[in-house]
Structures are given as structure tokens and as C-alpha cells.
N, C-alpha and C. Protein backbone atom coordinates (compact mmCIF):
# COMPACT_ATOMS: atom_id res chain seq x y z
N UNK A 1 -7.36 14.68 -0.30
CA UNK A 1 -8.15 13.49 -0.53
C UNK A 1 -8.83 13.63 -1.89
N UNK A 2 -8.76 12.59 -2.69
CA UNK A 2 -9.38 12.63 -4.01
C UNK A 2 -10.55 11.66 -4.06
N UNK A 3 -11.60 11.98 -3.34
CA UNK A 3 -12.79 11.14 -3.28
C UNK A 3 -13.40 11.04 -4.67
N UNK A 4 -13.90 9.85 -5.00
CA UNK A 4 -14.38 9.57 -6.35
C UNK A 4 -15.85 9.88 -6.58
N UNK A 5 -16.58 10.35 -5.60
CA UNK A 5 -18.01 10.56 -5.75
C UNK A 5 -18.80 9.34 -5.30
N UNK A 6 -18.10 8.24 -5.02
CA UNK A 6 -18.74 7.02 -4.53
C UNK A 6 -18.47 6.85 -3.05
N UNK A 7 -17.87 7.85 -2.44
CA UNK A 7 -17.52 7.73 -1.03
C UNK A 7 -16.24 6.96 -0.81
N UNK A 8 -15.44 6.81 -1.86
CA UNK A 8 -14.18 6.08 -1.76
C UNK A 8 -13.05 6.93 -2.30
N UNK A 9 -11.84 6.65 -1.79
CA UNK A 9 -10.65 7.29 -2.34
C UNK A 9 -9.47 6.33 -2.23
N UNK A 10 -8.41 6.57 -3.01
CA UNK A 10 -7.29 5.64 -3.06
C UNK A 10 -6.51 5.57 -1.74
N UNK A 11 -5.98 4.41 -1.46
CA UNK A 11 -5.19 4.19 -0.25
C UNK A 11 -3.99 5.13 -0.20
N UNK A 12 -3.44 5.48 -1.36
CA UNK A 12 -2.25 6.33 -1.35
C UNK A 12 -2.51 7.72 -0.79
N UNK A 13 -3.78 8.11 -0.63
CA UNK A 13 -4.09 9.37 0.04
C UNK A 13 -3.77 9.29 1.54
N UNK A 14 -3.60 8.08 2.06
CA UNK A 14 -3.24 7.90 3.48
C UNK A 14 -1.73 7.81 3.69
N UNK A 15 -0.97 7.67 2.62
CA UNK A 15 0.48 7.50 2.75
C UNK A 15 1.13 8.68 3.46
N UNK A 16 2.01 8.37 4.40
CA UNK A 16 2.75 9.43 5.10
C UNK A 16 3.89 9.98 4.26
N UNK A 17 4.34 9.21 3.26
CA UNK A 17 5.48 9.60 2.44
C UNK A 17 5.15 9.38 0.97
N UNK A 18 5.79 10.17 0.08
CA UNK A 18 5.56 9.95 -1.35
C UNK A 18 5.98 8.53 -1.77
N UNK A 19 5.23 7.97 -2.71
CA UNK A 19 5.49 6.64 -3.24
C UNK A 19 5.98 6.81 -4.68
N UNK A 20 7.13 6.24 -4.98
CA UNK A 20 7.75 6.39 -6.30
C UNK A 20 7.58 5.10 -7.09
N UNK A 21 6.83 5.17 -8.18
CA UNK A 21 6.58 3.97 -8.99
C UNK A 21 7.82 3.54 -9.77
N UNK A 22 8.66 4.50 -10.16
CA UNK A 22 9.83 4.18 -10.98
C UNK A 22 11.05 4.93 -10.45
N UNK A 23 12.21 4.48 -10.90
CA UNK A 23 13.47 5.15 -10.55
C UNK A 23 13.49 6.56 -11.16
N UNK A 24 12.93 6.71 -12.36
CA UNK A 24 12.86 8.03 -13.01
C UNK A 24 12.00 8.99 -12.20
N UNK A 25 10.89 8.50 -11.68
CA UNK A 25 10.00 9.32 -10.85
C UNK A 25 10.73 9.77 -9.58
N UNK A 26 11.50 8.88 -8.99
CA UNK A 26 12.29 9.21 -7.80
C UNK A 26 13.31 10.30 -8.13
N UNK A 27 14.02 10.15 -9.24
CA UNK A 27 15.02 11.15 -9.66
C UNK A 27 14.36 12.50 -9.89
N UNK A 28 13.24 12.51 -10.57
CA UNK A 28 12.55 13.77 -10.85
C UNK A 28 12.10 14.47 -9.56
N UNK A 29 11.61 13.70 -8.60
CA UNK A 29 11.08 14.27 -7.36
C UNK A 29 12.17 14.70 -6.38
N UNK A 30 13.27 13.95 -6.33
CA UNK A 30 14.29 14.20 -5.32
C UNK A 30 15.56 14.85 -5.85
N UNK A 31 15.79 14.75 -7.16
CA UNK A 31 17.04 15.25 -7.73
C UNK A 31 18.21 14.31 -7.50
N UNK A 32 17.94 13.12 -6.95
CA UNK A 32 18.99 12.12 -6.69
C UNK A 32 18.69 10.85 -7.46
N UNK A 33 19.75 10.16 -7.86
CA UNK A 33 19.57 8.83 -8.43
C UNK A 33 19.17 7.89 -7.30
N UNK A 34 18.28 6.98 -7.58
CA UNK A 34 17.92 5.96 -6.59
C UNK A 34 19.11 5.03 -6.40
N UNK A 35 19.32 4.54 -5.18
CA UNK A 35 20.40 3.57 -4.96
C UNK A 35 20.21 2.37 -5.88
N UNK A 36 21.30 1.67 -6.16
CA UNK A 36 21.21 0.49 -7.00
C UNK A 36 20.25 -0.52 -6.39
N UNK A 37 19.53 -1.22 -7.26
CA UNK A 37 18.58 -2.25 -6.84
C UNK A 37 19.33 -3.35 -6.10
N UNK A 38 18.83 -3.73 -4.94
CA UNK A 38 19.41 -4.81 -4.14
C UNK A 38 18.41 -5.96 -4.13
N UNK A 39 18.70 -6.99 -4.91
CA UNK A 39 17.75 -8.10 -5.06
C UNK A 39 17.61 -8.94 -3.80
N UNK A 40 18.48 -8.73 -2.81
CA UNK A 40 18.36 -9.47 -1.55
C UNK A 40 17.37 -8.82 -0.59
N UNK A 41 16.88 -7.65 -0.96
CA UNK A 41 15.93 -6.91 -0.11
C UNK A 41 14.60 -6.74 -0.84
N UNK A 42 13.53 -6.55 -0.08
CA UNK A 42 12.23 -6.32 -0.72
C UNK A 42 12.18 -4.97 -1.43
N UNK A 43 11.24 -4.87 -2.36
CA UNK A 43 10.99 -3.59 -3.02
C UNK A 43 10.52 -2.59 -1.96
N UNK A 44 11.03 -1.38 -2.06
CA UNK A 44 10.61 -0.30 -1.15
C UNK A 44 10.62 0.99 -1.97
N UNK A 45 9.45 1.57 -2.17
CA UNK A 45 9.29 2.70 -3.09
C UNK A 45 9.01 4.01 -2.37
N UNK A 46 9.41 4.13 -1.13
CA UNK A 46 9.21 5.34 -0.35
C UNK A 46 10.40 5.46 0.61
N UNK A 47 10.58 6.64 1.17
CA UNK A 47 11.58 6.80 2.23
C UNK A 47 11.10 7.85 3.22
N UNK A 48 11.64 7.75 4.42
CA UNK A 48 11.31 8.67 5.50
C UNK A 48 12.48 9.63 5.64
N UNK A 49 12.32 10.90 5.28
CA UNK A 49 13.43 11.85 5.38
C UNK A 49 13.97 12.00 6.80
N UNK A 50 13.12 11.83 7.81
CA UNK A 50 13.56 11.96 9.20
C UNK A 50 14.55 10.86 9.57
N UNK A 51 14.47 9.72 8.90
CA UNK A 51 15.37 8.61 9.20
C UNK A 51 16.81 8.92 8.78
N UNK A 52 16.98 9.87 7.90
CA UNK A 52 18.33 10.23 7.44
C UNK A 52 19.11 11.03 8.48
N UNK A 53 18.39 11.64 9.43
CA UNK A 53 19.08 12.50 10.41
C UNK A 53 18.88 12.08 11.86
N UNK A 54 18.08 11.06 12.09
CA UNK A 54 17.78 10.67 13.47
C UNK A 54 18.96 9.95 14.13
N UNK A 55 18.98 9.97 15.44
CA UNK A 55 19.98 9.19 16.18
C UNK A 55 19.39 7.84 16.60
N UNK A 56 18.09 7.65 16.35
CA UNK A 56 17.45 6.37 16.66
C UNK A 56 18.02 5.28 15.76
N UNK A 57 17.99 4.04 16.23
CA UNK A 57 18.39 2.91 15.40
C UNK A 57 17.21 2.35 14.62
N UNK A 58 16.01 2.50 15.17
CA UNK A 58 14.82 1.91 14.58
C UNK A 58 13.74 2.97 14.42
N UNK A 59 13.08 2.93 13.29
CA UNK A 59 11.95 3.82 13.03
C UNK A 59 10.68 3.00 13.21
N UNK A 60 9.75 3.52 13.99
CA UNK A 60 8.49 2.83 14.26
C UNK A 60 7.34 3.61 13.64
N UNK A 61 6.44 2.89 12.99
CA UNK A 61 5.27 3.50 12.35
C UNK A 61 4.04 2.78 12.87
N UNK A 62 3.02 3.55 13.20
CA UNK A 62 1.82 2.99 13.83
C UNK A 62 0.99 2.10 12.92
N UNK A 63 0.93 2.41 11.63
CA UNK A 63 0.03 1.65 10.75
C UNK A 63 0.61 1.49 9.36
N UNK A 64 0.53 0.27 8.85
CA UNK A 64 0.89 -0.05 7.47
C UNK A 64 0.10 -1.29 7.09
N UNK A 65 -0.18 -1.43 5.79
CA UNK A 65 -0.88 -2.63 5.35
C UNK A 65 -0.04 -3.86 5.68
N UNK A 66 -0.71 -4.94 5.97
CA UNK A 66 -0.04 -6.20 6.31
C UNK A 66 -0.08 -7.10 5.08
N UNK A 67 1.10 -7.49 4.60
CA UNK A 67 1.21 -8.36 3.42
C UNK A 67 1.60 -9.77 3.83
N UNK A 68 1.16 -10.75 3.04
CA UNK A 68 1.66 -12.10 3.25
C UNK A 68 3.01 -12.23 2.55
N UNK A 69 3.64 -13.38 2.65
CA UNK A 69 4.99 -13.54 2.10
C UNK A 69 5.04 -13.39 0.59
N UNK A 70 3.88 -13.49 -0.07
CA UNK A 70 3.83 -13.37 -1.52
C UNK A 70 3.44 -11.98 -2.01
N UNK A 71 3.25 -11.05 -1.09
CA UNK A 71 2.95 -9.68 -1.49
C UNK A 71 1.47 -9.37 -1.62
N UNK A 72 0.61 -10.22 -1.08
CA UNK A 72 -0.83 -9.96 -1.12
C UNK A 72 -1.26 -9.38 0.24
N UNK A 73 -2.15 -8.39 0.22
CA UNK A 73 -2.64 -7.79 1.46
C UNK A 73 -3.48 -8.85 2.19
N UNK A 74 -3.25 -8.95 3.49
CA UNK A 74 -3.96 -9.93 4.31
C UNK A 74 -5.25 -9.30 4.82
N UNK A 75 -6.33 -10.09 4.72
CA UNK A 75 -7.63 -9.65 5.24
C UNK A 75 -7.86 -10.28 6.60
N UNK A 76 -8.59 -9.57 7.46
CA UNK A 76 -8.96 -10.15 8.75
C UNK A 76 -10.15 -11.09 8.56
N UNK A 77 -10.69 -11.58 9.65
CA UNK A 77 -11.79 -12.55 9.57
C UNK A 77 -13.06 -11.96 8.97
N UNK A 78 -13.17 -10.63 8.96
CA UNK A 78 -14.35 -9.97 8.38
C UNK A 78 -14.11 -9.55 6.93
N UNK A 79 -12.94 -9.89 6.39
CA UNK A 79 -12.63 -9.52 5.01
C UNK A 79 -12.09 -8.12 4.84
N UNK A 80 -11.67 -7.49 5.93
CA UNK A 80 -11.16 -6.12 5.91
C UNK A 80 -9.62 -6.16 5.83
N UNK A 81 -9.01 -5.30 4.99
CA UNK A 81 -7.55 -5.27 4.94
C UNK A 81 -6.95 -5.01 6.33
N UNK A 82 -5.94 -5.79 6.67
CA UNK A 82 -5.33 -5.67 8.00
C UNK A 82 -4.20 -4.64 8.00
N UNK A 83 -4.12 -3.94 9.12
CA UNK A 83 -3.02 -3.01 9.38
C UNK A 83 -2.19 -3.58 10.52
N UNK A 84 -0.91 -3.22 10.53
CA UNK A 84 -0.02 -3.62 11.61
C UNK A 84 1.01 -2.52 11.78
N UNK A 85 1.71 -2.55 12.91
CA UNK A 85 2.82 -1.63 13.11
C UNK A 85 3.96 -2.05 12.19
N UNK A 86 4.82 -1.10 11.86
CA UNK A 86 5.97 -1.35 11.02
C UNK A 86 7.21 -0.81 11.72
N UNK A 87 8.25 -1.63 11.83
CA UNK A 87 9.52 -1.22 12.41
C UNK A 87 10.61 -1.49 11.38
N UNK A 88 11.43 -0.48 11.12
CA UNK A 88 12.53 -0.61 10.17
C UNK A 88 13.79 -0.03 10.78
N UNK A 89 14.93 -0.63 10.46
CA UNK A 89 16.20 0.00 10.82
C UNK A 89 16.24 1.35 10.11
N UNK A 90 16.85 2.33 10.76
CA UNK A 90 16.83 3.68 10.17
C UNK A 90 17.45 3.70 8.78
N UNK A 91 18.46 2.85 8.54
CA UNK A 91 19.09 2.80 7.21
C UNK A 91 18.09 2.34 6.15
N UNK A 92 17.24 1.40 6.51
CA UNK A 92 16.24 0.93 5.56
C UNK A 92 15.11 1.93 5.39
N UNK A 93 14.72 2.60 6.45
CA UNK A 93 13.65 3.60 6.37
C UNK A 93 14.09 4.81 5.55
N UNK A 94 15.38 5.09 5.54
CA UNK A 94 15.89 6.30 4.91
C UNK A 94 16.11 6.18 3.40
N UNK A 95 15.91 5.01 2.85
CA UNK A 95 16.23 4.83 1.44
C UNK A 95 15.16 4.01 0.72
N UNK A 96 15.26 3.98 -0.59
CA UNK A 96 14.34 3.19 -1.43
C UNK A 96 15.09 1.98 -1.99
N UNK A 97 14.33 1.03 -2.48
CA UNK A 97 14.89 -0.12 -3.22
C UNK A 97 13.93 -0.36 -4.38
N UNK A 98 14.11 0.45 -5.42
CA UNK A 98 13.20 0.45 -6.56
C UNK A 98 13.79 -0.40 -7.68
N UNK A 99 12.95 -1.22 -8.25
CA UNK A 99 13.38 -2.09 -9.35
C UNK A 99 13.88 -1.28 -10.54
N UNK A 100 14.89 -1.80 -11.24
CA UNK A 100 15.27 -1.17 -12.51
C UNK A 100 14.15 -1.40 -13.53
N UNK A 101 14.07 -0.55 -14.51
CA UNK A 101 12.99 -0.59 -15.50
C UNK A 101 12.83 -1.98 -16.13
N UNK A 102 13.92 -2.64 -16.45
CA UNK A 102 13.83 -3.93 -17.13
C UNK A 102 13.27 -5.04 -16.23
N UNK A 103 13.27 -4.86 -14.92
CA UNK A 103 12.75 -5.87 -14.00
C UNK A 103 11.31 -5.59 -13.57
N UNK A 104 10.78 -4.43 -13.90
CA UNK A 104 9.46 -4.05 -13.40
C UNK A 104 8.36 -5.00 -13.85
N UNK A 105 8.49 -5.60 -15.02
CA UNK A 105 7.46 -6.52 -15.49
C UNK A 105 7.43 -7.80 -14.68
N UNK A 106 8.52 -8.10 -13.95
CA UNK A 106 8.60 -9.31 -13.14
C UNK A 106 7.93 -9.16 -11.78
N UNK A 107 7.53 -7.96 -11.44
CA UNK A 107 7.08 -7.71 -10.08
C UNK A 107 5.67 -7.17 -10.06
N UNK A 108 4.92 -7.60 -9.08
CA UNK A 108 3.56 -7.10 -8.91
C UNK A 108 2.90 -7.87 -7.80
N UNK A 109 1.64 -7.62 -7.53
CA UNK A 109 0.96 -8.36 -6.47
C UNK A 109 1.09 -9.86 -6.70
N UNK A 110 1.39 -10.58 -5.65
CA UNK A 110 1.56 -12.02 -5.76
C UNK A 110 2.96 -12.43 -6.17
N UNK A 111 3.90 -11.49 -6.19
CA UNK A 111 5.27 -11.82 -6.54
C UNK A 111 5.93 -12.59 -5.42
N UNK A 112 7.16 -12.99 -5.63
CA UNK A 112 7.87 -13.85 -4.70
C UNK A 112 8.19 -13.19 -3.36
N UNK A 113 8.27 -11.89 -3.32
CA UNK A 113 8.69 -11.20 -2.10
C UNK A 113 7.78 -10.00 -1.85
N UNK A 114 7.24 -9.90 -0.66
CA UNK A 114 6.34 -8.80 -0.33
C UNK A 114 7.11 -7.48 -0.29
N UNK A 115 6.52 -6.40 -0.80
CA UNK A 115 7.15 -5.08 -0.69
C UNK A 115 7.06 -4.58 0.75
N UNK A 116 7.89 -3.61 1.06
CA UNK A 116 7.78 -2.95 2.37
C UNK A 116 6.68 -1.90 2.24
N UNK A 117 5.62 -2.04 3.04
CA UNK A 117 4.47 -1.15 2.88
C UNK A 117 4.77 0.27 3.33
N UNK A 118 4.02 1.19 2.76
CA UNK A 118 4.15 2.61 3.13
C UNK A 118 3.38 2.85 4.43
N UNK A 119 3.99 3.51 5.41
CA UNK A 119 3.24 3.87 6.62
C UNK A 119 2.04 4.76 6.27
N UNK A 120 0.96 4.56 7.02
CA UNK A 120 -0.29 5.28 6.77
C UNK A 120 -0.63 6.21 7.93
N UNK A 121 -1.33 7.28 7.60
CA UNK A 121 -1.89 8.12 8.66
C UNK A 121 -3.03 7.35 9.30
N UNK A 122 -3.39 7.70 10.53
CA UNK A 122 -4.52 7.01 11.17
C UNK A 122 -5.81 7.25 10.39
N UNK A 123 -6.66 6.24 10.37
CA UNK A 123 -7.98 6.41 9.76
C UNK A 123 -8.83 7.33 10.63
N UNK A 124 -9.62 8.15 10.01
CA UNK A 124 -10.58 8.98 10.74
C UNK A 124 -11.76 8.10 11.15
N UNK A 125 -12.55 8.58 12.08
CA UNK A 125 -13.70 7.80 12.58
C UNK A 125 -14.66 7.40 11.47
N UNK A 126 -14.78 8.23 10.44
CA UNK A 126 -15.74 7.93 9.38
C UNK A 126 -15.09 7.23 8.18
N UNK A 127 -13.87 6.73 8.33
CA UNK A 127 -13.18 6.03 7.26
C UNK A 127 -12.96 4.57 7.62
N UNK A 128 -12.94 3.73 6.59
CA UNK A 128 -12.59 2.33 6.78
C UNK A 128 -11.90 1.82 5.52
N UNK A 129 -11.04 0.83 5.70
CA UNK A 129 -10.38 0.20 4.56
C UNK A 129 -11.30 -0.87 4.00
N UNK A 130 -11.24 -1.04 2.69
CA UNK A 130 -12.03 -2.08 2.05
C UNK A 130 -11.30 -2.55 0.80
N UNK A 131 -11.62 -3.76 0.37
CA UNK A 131 -11.13 -4.27 -0.90
C UNK A 131 -12.17 -3.95 -1.97
N UNK A 132 -11.72 -3.46 -3.10
CA UNK A 132 -12.61 -3.30 -4.25
C UNK A 132 -12.31 -4.45 -5.20
N UNK A 133 -12.96 -4.45 -6.32
CA UNK A 133 -12.79 -5.54 -7.29
C UNK A 133 -11.30 -5.71 -7.63
N UNK A 134 -10.85 -6.95 -7.67
CA UNK A 134 -9.45 -7.23 -7.94
C UNK A 134 -8.58 -7.13 -6.70
N UNK A 135 -9.21 -7.06 -5.53
CA UNK A 135 -8.49 -6.95 -4.25
C UNK A 135 -7.65 -5.69 -4.12
N UNK A 136 -8.09 -4.63 -4.75
CA UNK A 136 -7.43 -3.33 -4.60
C UNK A 136 -7.93 -2.72 -3.29
N UNK A 137 -6.99 -2.28 -2.45
CA UNK A 137 -7.37 -1.67 -1.17
C UNK A 137 -7.69 -0.20 -1.39
N UNK A 138 -8.86 0.21 -0.90
CA UNK A 138 -9.25 1.61 -0.96
C UNK A 138 -9.80 2.04 0.39
N UNK A 139 -10.03 3.33 0.52
CA UNK A 139 -10.61 3.89 1.74
C UNK A 139 -12.05 4.27 1.43
N UNK A 140 -12.93 3.87 2.30
CA UNK A 140 -14.34 4.17 2.12
C UNK A 140 -14.79 5.11 3.23
N UNK A 141 -15.54 6.13 2.85
CA UNK A 141 -16.15 7.01 3.84
C UNK A 141 -17.49 6.37 4.19
N UNK A 142 -17.61 5.96 5.44
CA UNK A 142 -18.76 5.15 5.87
C UNK A 142 -20.10 5.79 5.54
N UNK A 143 -20.30 7.03 5.93
CA UNK A 143 -21.60 7.68 5.73
C UNK A 143 -21.90 7.89 4.25
N UNK A 144 -20.93 8.33 3.48
CA UNK A 144 -21.15 8.58 2.06
C UNK A 144 -21.47 7.29 1.33
N UNK A 145 -20.82 6.22 1.73
CA UNK A 145 -21.03 4.94 1.07
C UNK A 145 -22.45 4.43 1.31
N UNK A 146 -22.96 4.65 2.51
CA UNK A 146 -24.33 4.21 2.82
C UNK A 146 -25.34 4.89 1.91
N UNK A 147 -25.06 6.13 1.53
CA UNK A 147 -25.98 6.91 0.72
C UNK A 147 -25.80 6.73 -0.78
N UNK A 148 -24.81 5.94 -1.19
CA UNK A 148 -24.55 5.74 -2.61
C UNK A 148 -25.65 4.88 -3.21
N UNK A 149 -26.26 5.39 -4.25
CA UNK A 149 -27.36 4.68 -4.90
C UNK A 149 -26.80 3.80 -6.02
N UNK A 150 -27.40 2.63 -6.21
CA UNK A 150 -27.02 1.72 -7.29
C UNK A 150 -25.56 1.29 -7.22
N UNK A 151 -25.07 1.07 -6.04
CA UNK A 151 -23.69 0.61 -5.88
C UNK A 151 -23.69 -0.83 -5.38
N UNK A 152 -22.58 -1.51 -5.60
CA UNK A 152 -22.42 -2.83 -5.03
C UNK A 152 -22.38 -2.71 -3.51
N UNK A 153 -22.96 -3.65 -2.83
CA UNK A 153 -22.87 -3.68 -1.38
C UNK A 153 -21.55 -4.32 -0.99
N UNK A 154 -21.21 -4.24 0.28
CA UNK A 154 -20.00 -4.89 0.78
C UNK A 154 -20.09 -6.39 0.50
N UNK A 155 -21.24 -6.98 0.74
CA UNK A 155 -21.43 -8.41 0.48
C UNK A 155 -21.24 -8.72 -1.00
N UNK A 156 -21.74 -7.84 -1.88
CA UNK A 156 -21.56 -8.03 -3.33
C UNK A 156 -20.07 -8.04 -3.68
N UNK A 157 -19.35 -7.08 -3.13
CA UNK A 157 -17.91 -6.96 -3.42
C UNK A 157 -17.15 -8.18 -2.91
N UNK A 158 -17.51 -8.66 -1.74
CA UNK A 158 -16.84 -9.84 -1.19
C UNK A 158 -17.13 -11.06 -2.05
N UNK A 159 -18.37 -11.20 -2.50
CA UNK A 159 -18.73 -12.31 -3.37
C UNK A 159 -17.97 -12.23 -4.69
N UNK A 160 -17.91 -11.05 -5.29
CA UNK A 160 -17.17 -10.88 -6.54
C UNK A 160 -15.69 -11.18 -6.35
N UNK A 161 -15.13 -10.79 -5.23
CA UNK A 161 -13.71 -11.09 -4.96
C UNK A 161 -13.49 -12.59 -4.85
N UNK A 162 -14.42 -13.28 -4.18
CA UNK A 162 -14.29 -14.74 -4.06
C UNK A 162 -14.42 -15.41 -5.42
N UNK A 163 -15.35 -14.94 -6.23
CA UNK A 163 -15.51 -15.48 -7.59
C UNK A 163 -14.24 -15.25 -8.40
N UNK A 164 -13.70 -14.04 -8.33
CA UNK A 164 -12.48 -13.72 -9.07
C UNK A 164 -11.33 -14.60 -8.61
N UNK A 165 -11.22 -14.82 -7.31
CA UNK A 165 -10.14 -15.66 -6.78
C UNK A 165 -10.31 -17.10 -7.27
N UNK A 166 -11.53 -17.59 -7.26
CA UNK A 166 -11.81 -18.96 -7.72
C UNK A 166 -11.48 -19.12 -9.21
N UNK A 167 -11.74 -18.06 -9.98
CA UNK A 167 -11.44 -18.10 -11.40
C UNK A 167 -9.98 -17.80 -11.71
N UNK A 168 -9.23 -17.38 -10.68
CA UNK A 168 -7.81 -17.07 -10.87
C UNK A 168 -7.57 -15.77 -11.61
N UNK A 169 -8.48 -14.82 -11.50
CA UNK A 169 -8.32 -13.53 -12.18
C UNK A 169 -8.02 -12.40 -11.20
N UNK A 170 -7.62 -12.75 -10.00
CA UNK A 170 -7.33 -11.74 -8.97
C UNK A 170 -5.98 -11.16 -9.23
């Protein structure tokens, strides 16, 4: 965990599997070329090694961020990032679908197709998901956050997010 001193740390610390930002990063980490980009499928920048050898047809994961059809994380009624179960065919769980370098500028939050989210480890009792400025999902340590001096409150962050959304800078 790489806590920032504010009682928060990046969501990727919860990832069950490595996340590869680029095809080159995947090659460096695995020693294999990433499969060719399939534009008919969503972006998927992680894989489950167990899916390559299982006899199961479907891989089930207890928790993953929930995205809308445009690739934005969905918040619940309290403004908290939502988690949901994730089920993938073993063939899809076992491989990546990483954009080629020349297409990477076309893709990002709010793109036409939601990425397949990375499965997450369960949150500990003292952890919660939250949106930071720009709707970035992070993990907050409840007790440490309460003790943070001169920090934005949850209400402040929600207000800033609403302002940013209204201004179209999200």
C-alpha cells in the first residue's frame, strides 16, 4: 500500500492482477507480445493467469468497479464509487485487449466503450472508496482521514466534483 500521508492511496493497490498501461509494458512484464487489438471488444489491461489453466468456463470475481456504458465509474446514492461482481468467460479473463500506441489518444474516461475493470481485493473494515477531484477513485483510510488537518471534507470534494461536472472539466 502506498498511502500518501493524507490517509488515501491509489485504487490500483487493490488490484488482484497487474494492470498494463501499454502493449510495451505488457511485453516487458510477461515476455509475450500482447494479442492483436480487437476493436469489437472493450479495452482490458489485465489478465488472470489462473484462467489460462482452469477447466471452468466462467471466472467469477467478487468485486470490481462498476462503469456506465461510456466508461465512467458509477456512484451510488451517497456519491460512493459502486462495486459489483464481475463474470468473464475464461478466454476473456486469460488475455488482454490493449490498444495499439497510435489509438491510445482516442481512449480514456468517457470514451465510447467501458473498459473491463480489474477485480479488486475486499476492502478492509477501515477502508472506503471515494472520488477525489476529477472523479478519480481512491481508497481512503477512515480513521486517518478523520485526523487529517486542513483537508477538504467529503462534502467539499462532492461539491467540487459537481462544480467540475457543471463546468465540463471532469
